Amino acid sequence: QVQLIESGGGLVQAGGSLSLSCAASGRSFDTYSMGWFRQAPGKEREIVASISWSGGTTVYADSVKGRFTISRDNAKNTLSLQMNSLKVEDTAVYYCAADRMRVRVTAAPDYWGQGTQVTVSS
């Protein structure tokens, strides 16, 4: 079992920055790939970024490439998402997820956090 708790969401103006964190508890955090997903009102949940178990491989959605950075600290069981140059369309609930697939999260991860709201105003 892995429990995930996100923090760091909030309200920010377009062009600003925000950093999300995900604290993981449970066993073998460093054997899971991790990812950030988001869901905007009226839209389906989509993957934003993924990072492998070692942190050596990262993958980003085209919409956030060059603006968002995913990272992990296996010693502290934490996952982070640094979001820069935020746009109104980045507004969504952001979810942390853990997947038993070690290299990249799938569309159906094994564990989810409860989500944190990110709102970008114009």
PDB file of N, CA and C in Angstrom:
ATOM      1  N   GLN A   1       0.832  -1.196   0.000  1.00  0.00           N
ATOM      2  CA  GLN A   1       0.000   0.000   0.000  1.00  0.00           C
ATOM      3  C   GLN A   1       0.871   1.253   0.000  1.00  0.00           C
ATOM      4  N   VAL A   2       0.456   2.238  -0.785  1.00  0.00           N
ATOM      5  CA  VAL A   2       1.126   3.534  -0.816  1.00  0.00           C
ATOM      6  C   VAL A   2       0.064   4.601  -0.619  1.00  0.00           C
ATOM      7  N   GLN A   3       0.302   5.498   0.296  1.00  0.00           N
ATOM      8  CA  GLN A   3      -0.598   6.627   0.509  1.00  0.00           C
ATOM      9  C   GLN A   3       0.080   7.895   0.017  1.00  0.00           C
ATOM     10  N   LEU A   4      -0.675   8.706  -0.691  1.00  0.00           N
ATOM     11  CA  LEU A   4      -0.126   9.900  -1.317  1.00  0.00           C
ATOM     12  C   LEU A   4      -0.905  11.125  -0.875  1.00  0.00           C
ATOM     13  N   ILE A   5      -0.191  12.148  -0.463  1.00  0.00           N
ATOM     14  CA  ILE A   5      -0.830  13.381  -0.024  1.00  0.00           C
ATOM     15  C   ILE A   5      -0.182  14.556  -0.736  1.00  0.00           C
ATOM     16  N   GLU A   6      -0.983  15.282  -1.535  1.00  0.00           N
ATOM     17  CA  GLU A   6      -0.481  16.441  -2.268  1.00  0.00           C
ATOM     18  C   GLU A   6      -0.596  17.711  -1.430  1.00  0.00           C
ATOM     19  N   SER A   7       0.244  18.654  -1.756  1.00  0.00           N
ATOM     20  CA  SER A   7       0.174  19.986  -1.149  1.00  0.00           C
ATOM     21  C   SER A   7       0.764  20.991  -2.128  1.00  0.00           C
ATOM     22  N   GLY A   8       0.484  22.264  -1.861  1.00  0.00           N
ATOM     23  CA  GLY A   8       1.105  23.321  -2.654  1.00  0.00           C
ATOM     24  C   GLY A   8       0.220  23.976  -3.678  1.00  0.00           C
ATOM     25  N   GLY A   9      -1.012  23.501  -3.828  1.00  0.00           N
ATOM     26  CA  GLY A   9      -1.904  24.156  -4.770  1.00  0.00           C
ATOM     27  C   GLY A   9      -2.312  25.542  -4.289  1.00  0.00           C
ATOM     28  N   GLY A  10      -2.987  26.279  -5.170  1.00  0.00           N
ATOM     29  CA  GLY A  10      -3.438  27.608  -4.784  1.00  0.00           C
ATOM     30  C   GLY A  10      -3.814  28.436  -5.984  1.00  0.00           C
ATOM     31  N   LEU A  11      -3.901  29.735  -5.742  1.00  0.00           N
ATOM     32  CA  LEU A  11      -4.277  30.696  -6.775  1.00  0.00           C
ATOM     33  C   LEU A  11      -3.053  31.491  -7.186  1.00  0.00           C
ATOM     34  N   VAL A  12      -2.837  31.612  -8.487  1.00  0.00           N
ATOM     35  CA  VAL A  12      -1.686  32.351  -8.994  1.00  0.00           C
ATOM     36  C   VAL A  12      -2.097  33.059 -10.282  1.00  0.00           C
ATOM     37  N   GLN A  13      -1.458  34.172 -10.564  1.00  0.00           N
ATOM     38  CA  GLN A  13      -1.745  34.884 -11.803  1.00  0.00           C
ATOM     39  C   GLN A  13      -1.032  34.234 -12.977  1.00  0.00           C
ATOM     40  N   ALA A  14      -1.598  34.415 -14.144  1.00  0.00           N
ATOM     41  CA  ALA A  14      -0.970  33.899 -15.357  1.00  0.00           C
ATOM     42  C   ALA A  14       0.446  34.447 -15.477  1.00  0.00           C
ATOM     43  N   GLY A  15       1.357  33.546 -15.855  1.00  0.00           N
ATOM     44  CA  GLY A  15       2.769  33.912 -15.928  1.00  0.00           C
ATOM     45  C   GLY A  15       3.537  33.610 -14.668  1.00  0.00           C
ATOM     46  N   GLY A  16       2.831  33.303 -13.611  1.00  0.00           N
ATOM     47  CA  GLY A  16       3.468  33.032 -12.334  1.00  0.00           C
ATOM     48  C   GLY A  16       3.908  31.587 -12.202  1.00  0.00           C
ATOM     49  N   SER A  17       4.375  31.254 -11.004  1.00  0.00           N
ATOM     50  CA  SER A  17       4.899  29.922 -10.721  1.00  0.00           C
ATOM     51  C   SER A  17       4.248  29.343  -9.473  1.00  0.00           C
ATOM     52  N   LEU A  18       4.251  28.022  -9.430  1.00  0.00           N
ATOM     53  CA  LEU A  18       3.708  27.302  -8.280  1.00  0.00           C
ATOM     54  C   LEU A  18       4.436  25.976  -8.201  1.00  0.00           C
ATOM     55  N   SER A  19       4.632  25.492  -6.992  1.00  0.00           N
ATOM     56  CA  SER A  19       5.297  24.205  -6.811  1.00  0.00           C
ATOM     57  C   SER A  19       4.380  23.274  -6.040  1.00  0.00           C
ATOM     58  N   LEU A  20       4.165  22.085  -6.565  1.00  0.00           N
ATOM     59  CA  LEU A  20       3.363  21.065  -5.902  1.00  0.00           C
ATOM     60  C   LEU A  20       4.279  20.010  -5.302  1.00  0.00           C
ATOM     61  N   SER A  21       3.850  19.477  -4.175  1.00  0.00           N
ATOM     62  CA  SER A  21       4.578  18.382  -3.536  1.00  0.00           C
ATOM     63  C   SER A  21       3.636  17.228  -3.267  1.00  0.00           C
ATOM     64  N   CYS A  22       4.202  16.041  -3.239  1.00  0.00           N
ATOM     65  CA  CYS A  22       3.438  14.835  -2.922  1.00  0.00           C
ATOM     66  C   CYS A  22       4.269  14.017  -1.950  1.00  0.00           C
ATOM     67  N   ALA A  23       3.726  13.810  -0.761  1.00  0.00           N
ATOM     68  CA  ALA A  23       4.396  13.002   0.251  1.00  0.00           C
ATOM     69  C   ALA A  23       3.838  11.590   0.206  1.00  0.00           C
ATOM     70  N   ALA A  24       4.723  10.625   0.118  1.00  0.00           N
ATOM     71  CA  ALA A  24       4.305   9.227   0.019  1.00  0.00           C
ATOM     72  C   ALA A  24       4.642   8.479   1.294  1.00  0.00           C
ATOM     73  N   SER A  25       3.727   7.658   1.723  1.00  0.00           N
ATOM     74  CA  SER A  25       3.998   6.783   2.864  1.00  0.00           C
ATOM     75  C   SER A  25       3.679   5.353   2.442  1.00  0.00           C
ATOM     76  N   GLY A  26       4.290   4.419   3.110  1.00  0.00           N
ATOM     77  CA  GLY A  26       4.108   3.031   2.740  1.00  0.00           C
ATOM     78  C   GLY A  26       5.423   2.434   2.291  1.00  0.00           C
ATOM     79  N   ARG A  27       5.331   1.298   1.695  1.00  0.00           N
ATOM     80  CA  ARG A  27       6.532   0.553   1.379  1.00  0.00           C
ATOM     81  C   ARG A  27       7.032   0.787  -0.043  1.00  0.00           C
ATOM     82  N   SER A  28       8.318   0.758  -0.188  1.00  0.00           N
ATOM     83  CA  SER A  28       8.951   0.662  -1.499  1.00  0.00           C
ATOM     84  C   SER A  28       8.607   1.800  -2.450  1.00  0.00           C
ATOM     85  N   PHE A  29       8.615   3.014  -1.936  1.00  0.00           N
ATOM     86  CA  PHE A  29       8.343   4.177  -2.790  1.00  0.00           C
ATOM     87  C   PHE A  29       9.260   4.179  -4.001  1.00  0.00           C
ATOM     88  N   ASP A  30      10.512   3.806  -3.787  1.00  0.00           N
ATOM     89  CA  ASP A  30      11.490   3.925  -4.877  1.00  0.00           C
ATOM     90  C   ASP A  30      11.390   2.798  -5.895  1.00  0.00           C
ATOM     91  N   THR A  31      10.381   1.949  -5.788  1.00  0.00           N
ATOM     92  CA  THR A  31      10.157   0.938  -6.823  1.00  0.00           C
ATOM     93  C   THR A  31       9.043   1.329  -7.781  1.00  0.00           C
ATOM     94  N   TYR A  32       8.380   2.449  -7.501  1.00  0.00           N
ATOM     95  CA  TYR A  32       7.258   2.899  -8.320  1.00  0.00           C
ATOM     96  C   TYR A  32       7.680   4.033  -9.246  1.00  0.00           C
ATOM     97  N   SER A  33       7.128   4.042 -10.447  1.00  0.00           N
ATOM     98  CA  SER A  33       7.170   5.277 -11.211  1.00  0.00           C
ATOM     99  C   SER A  33       6.098   6.191 -10.615  1.00  0.00           C
ATOM    100  N   MET A  34       6.291   7.485 -10.781  1.00  0.00           N
ATOM    101  CA  MET A  34       5.376   8.464 -10.211  1.00  0.00           C
ATOM    102  C   MET A  34       4.935   9.441 -11.293  1.00  0.00           C
ATOM    103  N   GLY A  35       3.783  10.025 -11.072  1.00  0.00           N
ATOM    104  CA  GLY A  35       3.316  10.977 -12.072  1.00  0.00           C
ATOM    105  C   GLY A  35       2.358  11.995 -11.487  1.00  0.00           C
ATOM    106  N   TRP A  36       2.170  13.039 -12.248  1.00  0.00           N
ATOM    107  CA  TRP A  36       1.169  14.057 -11.957  1.00  0.00           C
ATOM    108  C   TRP A  36       0.123  14.025 -13.067  1.00  0.00           C
ATOM    109  N   PHE A  37      -1.126  13.998 -12.646  1.00  0.00           N
ATOM    110  CA  PHE A  37      -2.259  14.098 -13.555  1.00  0.00           C
ATOM    111  C   PHE A  37      -3.034  15.362 -13.196  1.00  0.00           C
ATOM    112  N   ARG A  38      -3.909  15.793 -14.086  1.00  0.00           N
ATOM    113  CA  ARG A  38      -4.787  16.918 -13.769  1.00  0.00           C
ATOM    114  C   ARG A  38      -6.148  16.706 -14.434  1.00  0.00           C
ATOM    115  N   GLN A  39      -7.136  17.327 -13.812  1.00  0.00           N
ATOM    116  CA  GLN A  39      -8.488  17.268 -14.360  1.00  0.00           C
ATOM    117  C   GLN A  39      -9.123  18.639 -14.221  1.00  0.00           C
ATOM    118  N   ALA A  40      -9.447  19.222 -15.354  1.00  0.00           N
ATOM    119  CA  ALA A  40     -10.120  20.516 -15.390  1.00  0.00           C
ATOM    120  C   ALA A  40     -11.631  20.286 -15.419  1.00  0.00           C
ATOM    121  N   PRO A  41     -12.421  21.263 -15.007  1.00  0.00           N
ATOM    122  CA  PRO A  41     -13.877  21.107 -15.003  1.00  0.00           C
ATOM    123  C   PRO A  41     -14.397  20.736 -16.382  1.00  0.00           C
ATOM    124  N   GLY A  42     -15.206  19.690 -16.432  1.00  0.00           N
ATOM    125  CA  GLY A  42     -15.801  19.270 -17.677  1.00  0.00           C
ATOM    126  C   GLY A  42     -14.883  18.513 -18.610  1.00  0.00           C
ATOM    127  N   LYS A  43     -13.671  18.237 -18.152  1.00  0.00           N
ATOM    128  CA  LYS A  43     -12.713  17.525 -19.001  1.00  0.00           C
ATOM    129  C   LYS A  43     -12.268  16.233 -18.347  1.00  0.00           C
ATOM    130  N   GLU A  44     -11.702  15.357 -19.145  1.00  0.00           N
ATOM    131  CA  GLU A  44     -11.188  14.102 -18.608  1.00  0.00           C
ATOM    132  C   GLU A  44      -9.833  14.332 -17.933  1.00  0.00           C
ATOM    133  N   ARG A  45      -9.513  13.440 -17.033  1.00  0.00           N
ATOM    134  CA  ARG A  45      -8.215  13.503 -16.378  1.00  0.00           C
ATOM    135  C   ARG A  45      -7.124  13.209 -17.410  1.00  0.00           C
ATOM    136  N   GLU A  46      -6.041  13.962 -17.350  1.00  0.00           N
ATOM    137  CA  GLU A  46      -4.941  13.780 -18.290  1.00  0.00           C
ATOM    138  C   GLU A  46      -3.617  13.742 -17.544  1.00  0.00           C
ATOM    139  N   ILE A  47      -2.670  13.032 -18.124  1.00  0.00           N
ATOM    140  CA  ILE A  47      -1.359  12.976 -17.501  1.00  0.00           C
ATOM    141  C   ILE A  47      -0.577  14.237 -17.849  1.00  0.00           C
ATOM    142  N   VAL A  48       0.122  14.747 -16.882  1.00  0.00           N
ATOM    143  CA  VAL A  48       0.929  15.953 -17.047  1.00  0.00           C
ATOM    144  C   VAL A  48       2.411  15.599 -17.173  1.00  0.00           C
ATOM    145  N   ALA A  49       2.885  14.754 -16.258  1.00  0.00           N
ATOM    146  CA  ALA A  49       4.299  14.397 -16.264  1.00  0.00           C
ATOM    147  C   ALA A  49       4.491  13.076 -15.542  1.00  0.00           C
ATOM    148  N   SER A  50       5.545  12.389 -15.923  1.00  0.00           N
ATOM    149  CA  SER A  50       5.852  11.083 -15.350  1.00  0.00           C
ATOM    150  C   SER A  50       7.347  11.010 -15.084  1.00  0.00           C
ATOM    151  N   ILE A  51       7.714  10.269 -14.034  1.00  0.00           N
ATOM    152  CA  ILE A  51       9.132  10.095 -13.719  1.00  0.00           C
ATOM    153  C   ILE A  51       9.360   8.648 -13.315  1.00  0.00           C
ATOM    154  N   SER A  52      10.464   8.078 -13.756  1.00  0.00           N
ATOM    155  CA  SER A  52      10.756   6.682 -13.475  1.00  0.00           C
ATOM    156  C   SER A  52      11.165   6.480 -12.020  1.00  0.00           C
ATOM    157  N   TRP A  53      11.270   5.221 -11.611  1.00  0.00           N
ATOM    158  CA  TRP A  53      11.586   4.891 -10.225  1.00  0.00           C
ATOM    159  C   TRP A  53      12.885   5.529  -9.767  1.00  0.00           C
ATOM    160  N   SER A  54      13.860   5.647 -10.657  1.00  0.00           N
ATOM    161  CA  SER A  54      15.159   6.204 -10.282  1.00  0.00           C
ATOM    162  C   SER A  54      15.234   7.716 -10.494  1.00  0.00           C
ATOM    163  N   GLY A  55      14.263   8.251 -11.186  1.00  0.00           N
ATOM    164  CA  GLY A  55      14.327   9.671 -11.535  1.00  0.00           C
ATOM    165  C   GLY A  55      15.064   9.931 -12.835  1.00  0.00           C
ATOM    166  N   GLY A  56      15.560   8.873 -13.458  1.00  0.00           N
ATOM    167  CA  GLY A  56      16.376   9.050 -14.642  1.00  0.00           C
ATOM    168  C   GLY A  56      15.613   9.314 -15.922  1.00  0.00           C
ATOM    169  N   THR A  57      14.331   8.988 -15.923  1.00  0.00           N
ATOM    170  CA  THR A  57      13.507   9.183 -17.131  1.00  0.00           C
ATOM    171  C   THR A  57      12.297  10.023 -16.788  1.00  0.00           C
ATOM    172  N   THR A  58      12.111  11.090 -17.521  1.00  0.00           N
ATOM    173  CA  THR A  58      10.933  11.942 -17.340  1.00  0.00           C
ATOM    174  C   THR A  58      10.227  12.115 -18.676  1.00  0.00           C
ATOM    175  N   VAL A  59       8.914  12.233 -18.587  1.00  0.00           N
ATOM    176  CA  VAL A  59       8.081  12.420 -19.775  1.00  0.00           C
ATOM    177  C   VAL A  59       7.061  13.490 -19.451  1.00  0.00           C
ATOM    178  N   TYR A  60       6.806  14.367 -20.424  1.00  0.00           N
ATOM    179  CA  TYR A  60       5.876  15.471 -20.206  1.00  0.00           C
ATOM    180  C   TYR A  60       4.821  15.516 -21.299  1.00  0.00           C
ATOM    181  N   ALA A  61       3.642  15.989 -20.931  1.00  0.00           N
ATOM    182  CA  ALA A  61       2.638  16.298 -21.938  1.00  0.00           C
ATOM    183  C   ALA A  61       3.133  17.475 -22.774  1.00  0.00           C
ATOM    184  N   ASP A  62       2.779  17.489 -24.039  1.00  0.00           N
ATOM    185  CA  ASP A  62       3.234  18.566 -24.917  1.00  0.00           C
ATOM    186  C   ASP A  62       2.821  19.936 -24.385  1.00  0.00           C
ATOM    187  N   SER A  63       1.663  19.989 -23.745  1.00  0.00           N
ATOM    188  CA  SER A  63       1.134  21.266 -23.281  1.00  0.00           C
ATOM    189  C   SER A  63       1.942  21.896 -22.154  1.00  0.00           C
ATOM    190  N   VAL A  64       2.802  21.112 -21.488  1.00  0.00           N
ATOM    191  CA  VAL A  64       3.568  21.655 -20.359  1.00  0.00           C
ATOM    192  C   VAL A  64       5.073  21.581 -20.567  1.00  0.00           C
ATOM    193  N   LYS A  65       5.508  21.015 -21.677  1.00  0.00           N
ATOM    194  CA  LYS A  65       6.950  20.893 -21.939  1.00  0.00           C
ATOM    195  C   LYS A  65       7.613  22.255 -21.911  1.00  0.00           C
ATOM    196  N   GLY A  66       8.752  22.318 -21.218  1.00  0.00           N
ATOM    197  CA  GLY A  66       9.495  23.559 -21.123  1.00  0.00           C
ATOM    198  C   GLY A  66       8.998  24.477 -20.026  1.00  0.00           C
ATOM    199  N   ARG A  67       7.859  24.176 -19.434  1.00  0.00           N
ATOM    200  CA  ARG A  67       7.310  25.014 -18.363  1.00  0.00           C
ATOM    201  C   ARG A  67       7.263  24.285 -17.030  1.00  0.00           C
ATOM    202  N   PHE A  68       7.005  22.982 -17.053  1.00  0.00           N
ATOM    203  CA  PHE A  68       6.880  22.188 -15.831  1.00  0.00           C
ATOM    204  C   PHE A  68       8.093  21.268 -15.686  1.00  0.00           C
ATOM    205  N   THR A  69       8.481  21.006 -14.432  1.00  0.00           N
ATOM    206  CA  THR A  69       9.559  20.075 -14.152  1.00  0.00           C
ATOM    207  C   THR A  69       9.141  19.126 -13.041  1.00  0.00           C
ATOM    208  N   ILE A  70       9.211  17.842 -13.328  1.00  0.00           N
ATOM    209  CA  ILE A  70       8.901  16.825 -12.314  1.00  0.00           C
ATOM    210  C   ILE A  70      10.201  16.307 -11.720  1.00  0.00           C
ATOM    211  N   SER A  71      10.187  16.043 -10.412  1.00  0.00           N
ATOM    212  CA  SER A  71      11.371  15.507  -9.755  1.00  0.00           C
ATOM    213  C   SER A  71      10.929  14.666  -8.560  1.00  0.00           C
ATOM    214  N   ARG A  72      11.832  13.855  -8.072  1.00  0.00           N
ATOM    215  CA  ARG A  72      11.534  13.023  -6.911  1.00  0.00           C
ATOM    216  C   ARG A  72      12.763  12.910  -6.025  1.00  0.00           C
ATOM    217  N   ASP A  73      12.509  12.692  -4.750  1.00  0.00           N
ATOM    218  CA  ASP A  73      13.568  12.463  -3.767  1.00  0.00           C
ATOM    219  C   ASP A  73      13.227  11.151  -3.065  1.00  0.00           C
ATOM    220  N   ASN A  74      13.880  10.077  -3.467  1.00  0.00           N
ATOM    221  CA  ASN A  74      13.548   8.767  -2.904  1.00  0.00           C
ATOM    222  C   ASN A  74      13.968   8.647  -1.432  1.00  0.00           C
ATOM    223  N   ALA A  75      14.929   9.417  -1.018  1.00  0.00           N
ATOM    224  CA  ALA A  75      15.339   9.378   0.385  1.00  0.00           C
ATOM    225  C   ALA A  75      14.268   9.983   1.288  1.00  0.00           C
ATOM    226  N   LYS A  76      13.501  10.926   0.735  1.00  0.00           N
ATOM    227  CA  LYS A  76      12.464  11.592   1.521  1.00  0.00           C
ATOM    228  C   LYS A  76      11.053  11.152   1.133  1.00  0.00           C
ATOM    229  N   ASN A  77      10.956  10.236   0.184  1.00  0.00           N
ATOM    230  CA  ASN A  77       9.645   9.755  -0.287  1.00  0.00           C
ATOM    231  C   ASN A  77       8.757  10.904  -0.764  1.00  0.00           C
ATOM    232  N   THR A  78       9.331  11.780  -1.560  1.00  0.00           N
ATOM    233  CA  THR A  78       8.552  12.917  -2.049  1.00  0.00           C
ATOM    234  C   THR A  78       8.667  13.052  -3.565  1.00  0.00           C
ATOM    235  N   LEU A  79       7.603  13.593  -4.116  1.00  0.00           N
ATOM    236  CA  LEU A  79       7.515  13.895  -5.535  1.00  0.00           C
ATOM    237  C   LEU A  79       7.166  15.376  -5.660  1.00  0.00           C
ATOM    238  N   SER A  80       7.744  16.040  -6.647  1.00  0.00           N
ATOM    239  CA  SER A  80       7.490  17.467  -6.815  1.00  0.00           C
ATOM    240  C   SER A  80       7.133  17.792  -8.260  1.00  0.00           C
ATOM    241  N   LEU A  81       6.451  18.905  -8.414  1.00  0.00           N
ATOM    242  CA  LEU A  81       6.161  19.444  -9.742  1.00  0.00           C
ATOM    243  C   LEU A  81       6.339  20.954  -9.676  1.00  0.00           C
ATOM    244  N   GLN A  82       7.369  21.445 -10.339  1.00  0.00           N
ATOM    245  CA  GLN A  82       7.596  22.882 -10.430  1.00  0.00           C
ATOM    246  C   GLN A  82       6.904  23.386 -11.683  1.00  0.00           C
ATOM    247  N   MET A  83       6.005  24.337 -11.507  1.00  0.00           N
ATOM    248  CA  MET A  83       5.219  24.850 -12.626  1.00  0.00           C
ATOM    249  C   MET A  83       5.543  26.324 -12.839  1.00  0.00           C
ATOM    250  N   ASN A  84       6.093  26.636 -13.978  1.00  0.00           N
ATOM    251  CA  ASN A  84       6.444  28.015 -14.327  1.00  0.00           C
ATOM    252  C   ASN A  84       5.626  28.481 -15.522  1.00  0.00           C
ATOM    253  N   SER A  85       5.607  29.789 -15.716  1.00  0.00           N
ATOM    254  CA  SER A  85       4.892  30.383 -16.858  1.00  0.00           C
ATOM    255  C   SER A  85       3.466  29.821 -16.961  1.00  0.00           C
ATOM    256  N   LEU A  86       2.784  29.829 -15.847  1.00  0.00           N
ATOM    257  CA  LEU A  86       1.453  29.216 -15.793  1.00  0.00           C
ATOM    258  C   LEU A  86       0.465  29.962 -16.673  1.00  0.00           C
ATOM    259  N   LYS A  87      -0.445  29.184 -17.243  1.00  0.00           N
ATOM    260  CA  LYS A  87      -1.479  29.714 -18.116  1.00  0.00           C
ATOM    261  C   LYS A  87      -2.860  29.442 -17.505  1.00  0.00           C
ATOM    262  N   VAL A  88      -3.833  30.214 -17.936  1.00  0.00           N
ATOM    263  CA  VAL A  88      -5.194  30.014 -17.434  1.00  0.00           C
ATOM    264  C   VAL A  88      -5.642  28.576 -17.670  1.00  0.00           C
ATOM    265  N   GLU A  89      -5.239  28.017 -18.800  1.00  0.00           N
ATOM    266  CA  GLU A  89      -5.650  26.655 -19.142  1.00  0.00           C
ATOM    267  C   GLU A  89      -4.974  25.578 -18.297  1.00  0.00           C
ATOM    268  N   ASP A  90      -4.046  25.967 -17.436  1.00  0.00           N
ATOM    269  CA  ASP A  90      -3.448  25.013 -16.487  1.00  0.00           C
ATOM    270  C   ASP A  90      -4.338  24.823 -15.259  1.00  0.00           C
ATOM    271  N   THR A  91      -5.385  25.600 -15.147  1.00  0.00           N
ATOM    272  CA  THR A  91      -6.310  25.479 -14.023  1.00  0.00           C
ATOM    273  C   THR A  91      -6.931  24.092 -13.993  1.00  0.00           C
ATOM    274  N   ALA A  92      -6.794  23.416 -12.856  1.00  0.00           N
ATOM    275  CA  ALA A  92      -7.292  22.045 -12.724  1.00  0.00           C
ATOM    276  C   ALA A  92      -7.035  21.555 -11.311  1.00  0.00           C
ATOM    277  N   VAL A  93      -7.599  20.406 -10.997  1.00  0.00           N
ATOM    278  CA  VAL A  93      -7.192  19.676  -9.811  1.00  0.00           C
ATOM    279  C   VAL A  93      -6.036  18.770 -10.229  1.00  0.00           C
ATOM    280  N   TYR A  94      -4.952  18.856  -9.498  1.00  0.00           N
ATOM    281  CA  TYR A  94      -3.748  18.083  -9.806  1.00  0.00           C
ATOM    282  C   TYR A  94      -3.631  16.903  -8.837  1.00  0.00           C
ATOM    283  N   TYR A  95      -3.360  15.735  -9.417  1.00  0.00           N
ATOM    284  CA  TYR A  95      -3.272  14.500  -8.651  1.00  0.00           C
ATOM    285  C   TYR A  95      -1.887  13.884  -8.773  1.00  0.00           C
ATOM    286  N   CYS A  96      -1.405  13.406  -7.678  1.00  0.00           N
ATOM    287  CA  CYS A  96      -0.187  12.621  -7.632  1.00  0.00           C
ATOM    288  C   CYS A  96      -0.575  11.151  -7.790  1.00  0.00           C
ATOM    289  N   ALA A  97       0.257  10.366  -8.469  1.00  0.00           N
ATOM    290  CA  ALA A  97      -0.057   8.957  -8.678  1.00  0.00           C
ATOM    291  C   ALA A  97       1.203   8.109  -8.652  1.00  0.00           C
ATOM    292  N   ALA A  98       1.046   6.873  -8.225  1.00  0.00           N
ATOM    293  CA  ALA A  98       2.143   5.904  -8.183  1.00  0.00           C
ATOM    294  C   ALA A  98       1.763   4.668  -8.980  1.00  0.00           C
ATOM    295  N   ASP A  99       2.715   4.174  -9.748  1.00  0.00           N
ATOM    296  CA  ASP A  99       2.448   3.035 -10.636  1.00  0.00           C
ATOM    297  C   ASP A  99       3.510   1.962 -10.444  1.00  0.00           C
ATOM    298  N   ARG A 100       3.081   0.724 -10.426  1.00  0.00           N
ATOM    299  CA  ARG A 100       4.035  -0.382 -10.281  1.00  0.00           C
ATOM    300  C   ARG A 100       4.934  -0.531 -11.504  1.00  0.00           C
ATOM    301  N   MET A 101       4.526   0.033 -12.639  1.00  0.00           N
ATOM    302  CA  MET A 101       5.413   0.050 -13.795  1.00  0.00           C
ATOM    303  C   MET A 101       6.557   0.996 -13.467  1.00  0.00           C
ATOM    304  N   ARG A 102       7.764   0.527 -13.512  1.00  0.00           N
ATOM    305  CA  ARG A 102       8.879   1.275 -12.934  1.00  0.00           C
ATOM    306  C   ARG A 102       9.368   2.444 -13.799  1.00  0.00           C
ATOM    307  N   VAL A 103       9.160   2.356 -15.109  1.00  0.00           N
ATOM    308  CA  VAL A 103       9.750   3.369 -15.982  1.00  0.00           C
ATOM    309  C   VAL A 103       8.821   4.557 -16.209  1.00  0.00           C
ATOM    310  N   ARG A 104       7.526   4.277 -16.328  1.00  0.00           N
ATOM    311  CA  ARG A 104       6.596   5.342 -16.708  1.00  0.00           C
ATOM    312  C   ARG A 104       5.204   4.999 -16.199  1.00  0.00           C
ATOM    313  N   VAL A 105       4.513   5.996 -15.684  1.00  0.00           N
ATOM    314  CA  VAL A 105       3.154   5.728 -15.211  1.00  0.00           C
ATOM    315  C   VAL A 105       2.253   5.398 -16.396  1.00  0.00           C
ATOM    316  N   THR A 106       1.297   4.545 -16.136  1.00  0.00           N
ATOM    317  CA  THR A 106       0.308   4.189 -17.140  1.00  0.00           C
ATOM    318  C   THR A 106      -0.936   5.063 -16.974  1.00  0.00           C
ATOM    319  N   ALA A 107      -1.938   4.815 -17.778  1.00  0.00           N
ATOM    320  CA  ALA A 107      -3.183   5.571 -17.661  1.00  0.00           C
ATOM    321  C   ALA A 107      -3.993   5.139 -16.441  1.00  0.00           C
ATOM    322  N   ALA A 108      -3.622   4.037 -15.847  1.00  0.00           N
ATOM    323  CA  ALA A 108      -4.340   3.525 -14.676  1.00  0.00           C
ATOM    324  C   ALA A 108      -3.344   3.202 -13.576  1.00  0.00           C
ATOM    325  N   PRO A 109      -2.799   4.216 -12.927  1.00  0.00           N
ATOM    326  CA  PRO A 109      -1.839   3.963 -11.840  1.00  0.00           C
ATOM    327  C   PRO A 109      -2.471   3.182 -10.685  1.00  0.00           C
ATOM    328  N   ASP A 110      -1.615   2.644  -9.857  1.00  0.00           N
ATOM    329  CA  ASP A 110      -2.109   1.821  -8.760  1.00  0.00           C
ATOM    330  C   ASP A 110      -2.613   2.629  -7.576  1.00  0.00           C
ATOM    331  N   TYR A 111      -2.046   3.802  -7.379  1.00  0.00           N
ATOM    332  CA  TYR A 111      -2.421   4.621  -6.221  1.00  0.00           C
ATOM    333  C   TYR A 111      -2.578   6.079  -6.645  1.00  0.00           C
ATOM    334  N   TRP A 112      -3.535   6.737  -5.987  1.00  0.00           N
ATOM    335  CA  TRP A 112      -3.825   8.145  -6.260  1.00  0.00           C
ATOM    336  C   TRP A 112      -3.826   8.949  -4.973  1.00  0.00           C
ATOM    337  N   GLY A 113      -3.423  10.205  -5.093  1.00  0.00           N
ATOM    338  CA  GLY A 113      -3.642  11.140  -4.011  1.00  0.00           C
ATOM    339  C   GLY A 113      -5.042  11.720  -4.113  1.00  0.00           C
ATOM    340  N   GLN A 114      -5.368  12.591  -3.172  1.00  0.00           N
ATOM    341  CA  GLN A 114      -6.725  13.148  -3.125  1.00  0.00           C
ATOM    342  C   GLN A 114      -6.880  14.378  -4.022  1.00  0.00           C
ATOM    343  N   GLY A 115      -5.782  14.934  -4.477  1.00  0.00           N
ATOM    344  CA  GLY A 115      -5.824  16.072  -5.388  1.00  0.00           C
ATOM    345  C   GLY A 115      -5.639  17.403  -4.692  1.00  0.00           C
ATOM    346  N   THR A 116      -5.099  18.367  -5.437  1.00  0.00           N
ATOM    347  CA  THR A 116      -4.945  19.721  -4.940  1.00  0.00           C
ATOM    348  C   THR A 116      -5.316  20.690  -6.066  1.00  0.00           C
ATOM    349  N   GLN A 117      -6.049  21.733  -5.712  1.00  0.00           N
ATOM    350  CA  GLN A 117      -6.561  22.669  -6.715  1.00  0.00           C
ATOM    351  C   GLN A 117      -5.495  23.692  -7.097  1.00  0.00           C
ATOM    352  N   VAL A 118      -5.331  23.867  -8.401  1.00  0.00           N
ATOM    353  CA  VAL A 118      -4.494  24.932  -8.938  1.00  0.00           C
ATOM    354  C   VAL A 118      -5.379  25.822  -9.798  1.00  0.00           C
ATOM    355  N   THR A 119      -5.396  27.103  -9.472  1.00  0.00           N
ATOM    356  CA  THR A 119      -6.204  28.052 -10.225  1.00  0.00           C
ATOM    357  C   THR A 119      -5.301  29.161 -10.737  1.00  0.00           C
ATOM    358  N   VAL A 120      -5.338  29.372 -12.040  1.00  0.00           N
ATOM    359  CA  VAL A 120      -4.526  30.412 -12.664  1.00  0.00           C
ATOM    360  C   VAL A 120      -5.471  31.483 -13.197  1.00  0.00           C
ATOM    361  N   SER A 121      -5.311  32.692 -12.704  1.00  0.00           N
ATOM    362  CA  SER A 121      -6.187  33.789 -13.108  1.00  0.00           C
ATOM    363  C   SER A 121      -5.524  34.642 -14.197  1.00  0.00           C
ATOM    364  N   SER A 122      -6.358  35.255 -15.003  1.00  0.00           N
ATOM    365  CA  SER A 122      -5.832  36.081 -16.112  1.00  0.00           C
ATOM    366  C   SER A 122      -5.551  37.492 -15.671  1.00  0.00           C
TER     367      SER A 122
END
